[in-house]
Amino acid sequence: MIPTAGHTRGHGTIAPLCAISSPTGSFLLMNTGEEPAAPRARLLTTIAWQLGGEARPTYGLEGSIFVTGAAVQWLRDALGLMRPRPGS
């Protein structure tokens, strides 16, 4: 189980909802249920989780932004849109 999928399952995103994680990049995994959804808008169809070998998988649509940390830093430092956090 990849961290985003674990994050989604761990936060109880059982219904077709979504979870977002953001350490340096941002990753969105939206639960689409027991049938894979057709990929759209540059999203990737993926298995969100599967509990046990005989269980049906739960699918999701995943999207990612790999520069979130740099973008937030630019908004803070170059544009002054945020105050620096203590220790950063």
C-alpha atoms as a PDB file:
ATOM      1  CA  MET A   1       0.000   0.000   0.000  1.00  0.00           C
ATOM      2  CA  ILE A   2       1.472   3.330  -1.006  1.00  0.00           C
ATOM      3  CA  PRO A   3       1.406   6.174   1.550  1.00  0.00           C
ATOM      4  CA  THR A   4      -1.418   8.075  -0.179  1.00  0.00           C
ATOM      5  CA  ALA A   5      -3.600   4.966  -0.289  1.00  0.00           C
ATOM      6  CA  GLY A   6      -2.773   4.221   3.337  1.00  0.00           C
ATOM      7  CA  HIS A   7      -3.601   7.814   4.194  1.00  0.00           C
ATOM      8  CA  THR A   8      -6.958   7.522   2.415  1.00  0.00           C
ATOM      9  CA  ARG A   9      -7.898   4.238   4.124  1.00  0.00           C
ATOM     10  CA  GLY A  10      -6.534   5.359   7.485  1.00  0.00           C
ATOM     11  CA  HIS A  11      -8.610   8.522   7.494  1.00  0.00           C
ATOM     12  CA  GLY A  12     -11.786   6.551   6.884  1.00  0.00           C
ATOM     13  CA  THR A  13     -12.299   7.664   3.318  1.00  0.00           C
ATOM     14  CA  ILE A  14     -14.518   4.674   2.641  1.00  0.00           C
ATOM     15  CA  ALA A  15     -17.276   6.509   0.774  1.00  0.00           C
ATOM     16  CA  PRO A  16     -16.420   8.053  -2.603  1.00  0.00           C
ATOM     17  CA  LEU A  17     -14.535  10.972  -1.076  1.00  0.00           C
ATOM     18  CA  CYS A  18     -10.916  12.016  -1.276  1.00  0.00           C
ATOM     19  CA  ALA A  19      -7.818  12.491   0.838  1.00  0.00           C
ATOM     20  CA  ILE A  20      -4.878  14.793   0.215  1.00  0.00           C
ATOM     21  CA  SER A  21      -1.335  14.445   1.508  1.00  0.00           C
ATOM     22  CA  SER A  22       1.270  17.154   1.139  1.00  0.00           C
ATOM     23  CA  PRO A  23       4.820  16.775   2.481  1.00  0.00           C
ATOM     24  CA  THR A  24       6.706  18.362  -0.451  1.00  0.00           C
ATOM     25  CA  GLY A  25       4.292  17.429  -3.224  1.00  0.00           C
ATOM     26  CA  SER A  26       0.523  17.139  -3.162  1.00  0.00           C
ATOM     27  CA  PHE A  27      -1.245  13.897  -3.897  1.00  0.00           C
ATOM     28  CA  LEU A  28      -4.981  13.447  -4.187  1.00  0.00           C
ATOM     29  CA  LEU A  29      -6.600  10.023  -4.115  1.00  0.00           C
ATOM     30  CA  MET A  30     -10.353   9.944  -4.646  1.00  0.00           C
ATOM     31  CA  ASN A  31     -12.227   6.748  -3.810  1.00  0.00           C
ATOM     32  CA  THR A  32     -14.330   5.695  -6.806  1.00  0.00           C
ATOM     33  CA  GLY A  33     -15.665   2.419  -5.396  1.00  0.00           C
ATOM     34  CA  GLU A  34     -15.538  -1.190  -6.570  1.00  0.00           C
ATOM     35  CA  GLU A  35     -15.332  -0.422 -10.301  1.00  0.00           C
ATOM     36  CA  PRO A  36     -12.374   1.371 -11.884  1.00  0.00           C
ATOM     37  CA  ALA A  37     -13.256   4.814 -13.214  1.00  0.00           C
ATOM     38  CA  ALA A  38     -12.059   5.873 -16.633  1.00  0.00           C
ATOM     39  CA  PRO A  39      -9.024   8.171 -16.272  1.00  0.00           C
ATOM     40  CA  ARG A  40      -9.795  11.802 -17.074  1.00  0.00           C
ATOM     41  CA  ALA A  41      -8.227  15.227 -16.695  1.00  0.00           C
ATOM     42  CA  ARG A  42      -4.726  13.700 -16.379  1.00  0.00           C
ATOM     43  CA  LEU A  43      -5.729  11.569 -13.389  1.00  0.00           C
ATOM     44  CA  LEU A  44      -4.565   7.974 -12.996  1.00  0.00           C
ATOM     45  CA  THR A  45      -6.896   5.061 -12.216  1.00  0.00           C
ATOM     46  CA  THR A  46      -5.372   3.046  -9.382  1.00  0.00           C
ATOM     47  CA  ILE A  47      -6.227   0.459  -6.741  1.00  0.00           C
ATOM     48  CA  ALA A  48      -6.793   2.430  -3.549  1.00  0.00           C
ATOM     49  CA  TRP A  49      -6.731  -0.670  -1.333  1.00  0.00           C
ATOM     50  CA  GLN A  50      -7.622  -4.333  -1.145  1.00  0.00           C
ATOM     51  CA  LEU A  51      -8.181  -6.095   2.152  1.00  0.00           C
ATOM     52  CA  GLY A  52      -7.192  -9.746   1.878  1.00  0.00           C
ATOM     53  CA  GLY A  53      -6.404 -11.823  -1.173  1.00  0.00           C
ATOM     54  CA  GLU A  54     -10.013 -12.757  -2.006  1.00  0.00           C
ATOM     55  CA  ALA A  55     -11.530  -9.318  -1.365  1.00  0.00           C
ATOM     56  CA  ARG A  56     -12.492  -7.081  -4.260  1.00  0.00           C
ATOM     57  CA  PRO A  57     -10.224  -4.065  -4.634  1.00  0.00           C
ATOM     58  CA  THR A  58     -11.446  -0.527  -4.074  1.00  0.00           C
ATOM     59  CA  TYR A  59     -10.399   1.785  -6.884  1.00  0.00           C
ATOM     60  CA  GLY A  60      -9.525   5.432  -6.966  1.00  0.00           C
ATOM     61  CA  LEU A  61      -8.446   8.287  -9.189  1.00  0.00           C
ATOM     62  CA  GLU A  62      -5.077   9.767  -8.289  1.00  0.00           C
ATOM     63  CA  GLY A  63      -3.531  13.089  -9.203  1.00  0.00           C
ATOM     64  CA  SER A  64      -0.260  14.664  -8.151  1.00  0.00           C
ATOM     65  CA  ILE A  65       1.564  17.987  -8.067  1.00  0.00           C
ATOM     66  CA  PHE A  66       5.271  17.486  -7.492  1.00  0.00           C
ATOM     67  CA  VAL A  67       6.288  21.091  -6.774  1.00  0.00           C
ATOM     68  CA  THR A  68       3.902  22.062  -3.981  1.00  0.00           C
ATOM     69  CA  GLY A  69       6.661  22.754  -1.464  1.00  0.00           C
ATOM     70  CA  ALA A  70       8.576  24.953  -3.912  1.00  0.00           C
ATOM     71  CA  ALA A  71       5.390  26.752  -4.959  1.00  0.00           C
ATOM     72  CA  VAL A  72       4.444  27.538  -1.360  1.00  0.00           C
ATOM     73  CA  GLN A  73       7.996  28.752  -0.681  1.00  0.00           C
ATOM     74  CA  TRP A  74       7.817  31.020  -3.762  1.00  0.00           C
ATOM     75  CA  LEU A  75       4.442  32.421  -2.656  1.00  0.00           C
ATOM     76  CA  ARG A  76       5.947  33.127   0.777  1.00  0.00           C
ATOM     77  CA  ASP A  77       9.409  34.420  -0.160  1.00  0.00           C
ATOM     78  CA  ALA A  78       8.959  36.055  -3.567  1.00  0.00           C
ATOM     79  CA  LEU A  79       5.426  37.392  -3.281  1.00  0.00           C
ATOM     80  CA  GLY A  80       5.151  37.818   0.489  1.00  0.00           C
ATOM     81  CA  LEU A  81       1.709  36.220   0.585  1.00  0.00           C
ATOM     82  CA  MET A  82       2.455  34.293   3.788  1.00  0.00           C
ATOM     83  CA  ARG A  83       4.431  34.879   6.935  1.00  0.00           C
ATOM     84  CA  PRO A  84       7.398  32.567   7.493  1.00  0.00           C
ATOM     85  CA  ARG A  85       6.847  29.810  10.040  1.00  0.00           C
ATOM     86  CA  PRO A  86       9.132  29.925  13.079  1.00  0.00           C
ATOM     87  CA  GLY A  87      12.214  27.842  12.326  1.00  0.00           C
ATOM     88  CA  SER A  88      11.795  27.859   8.543  1.00  0.00           C
END
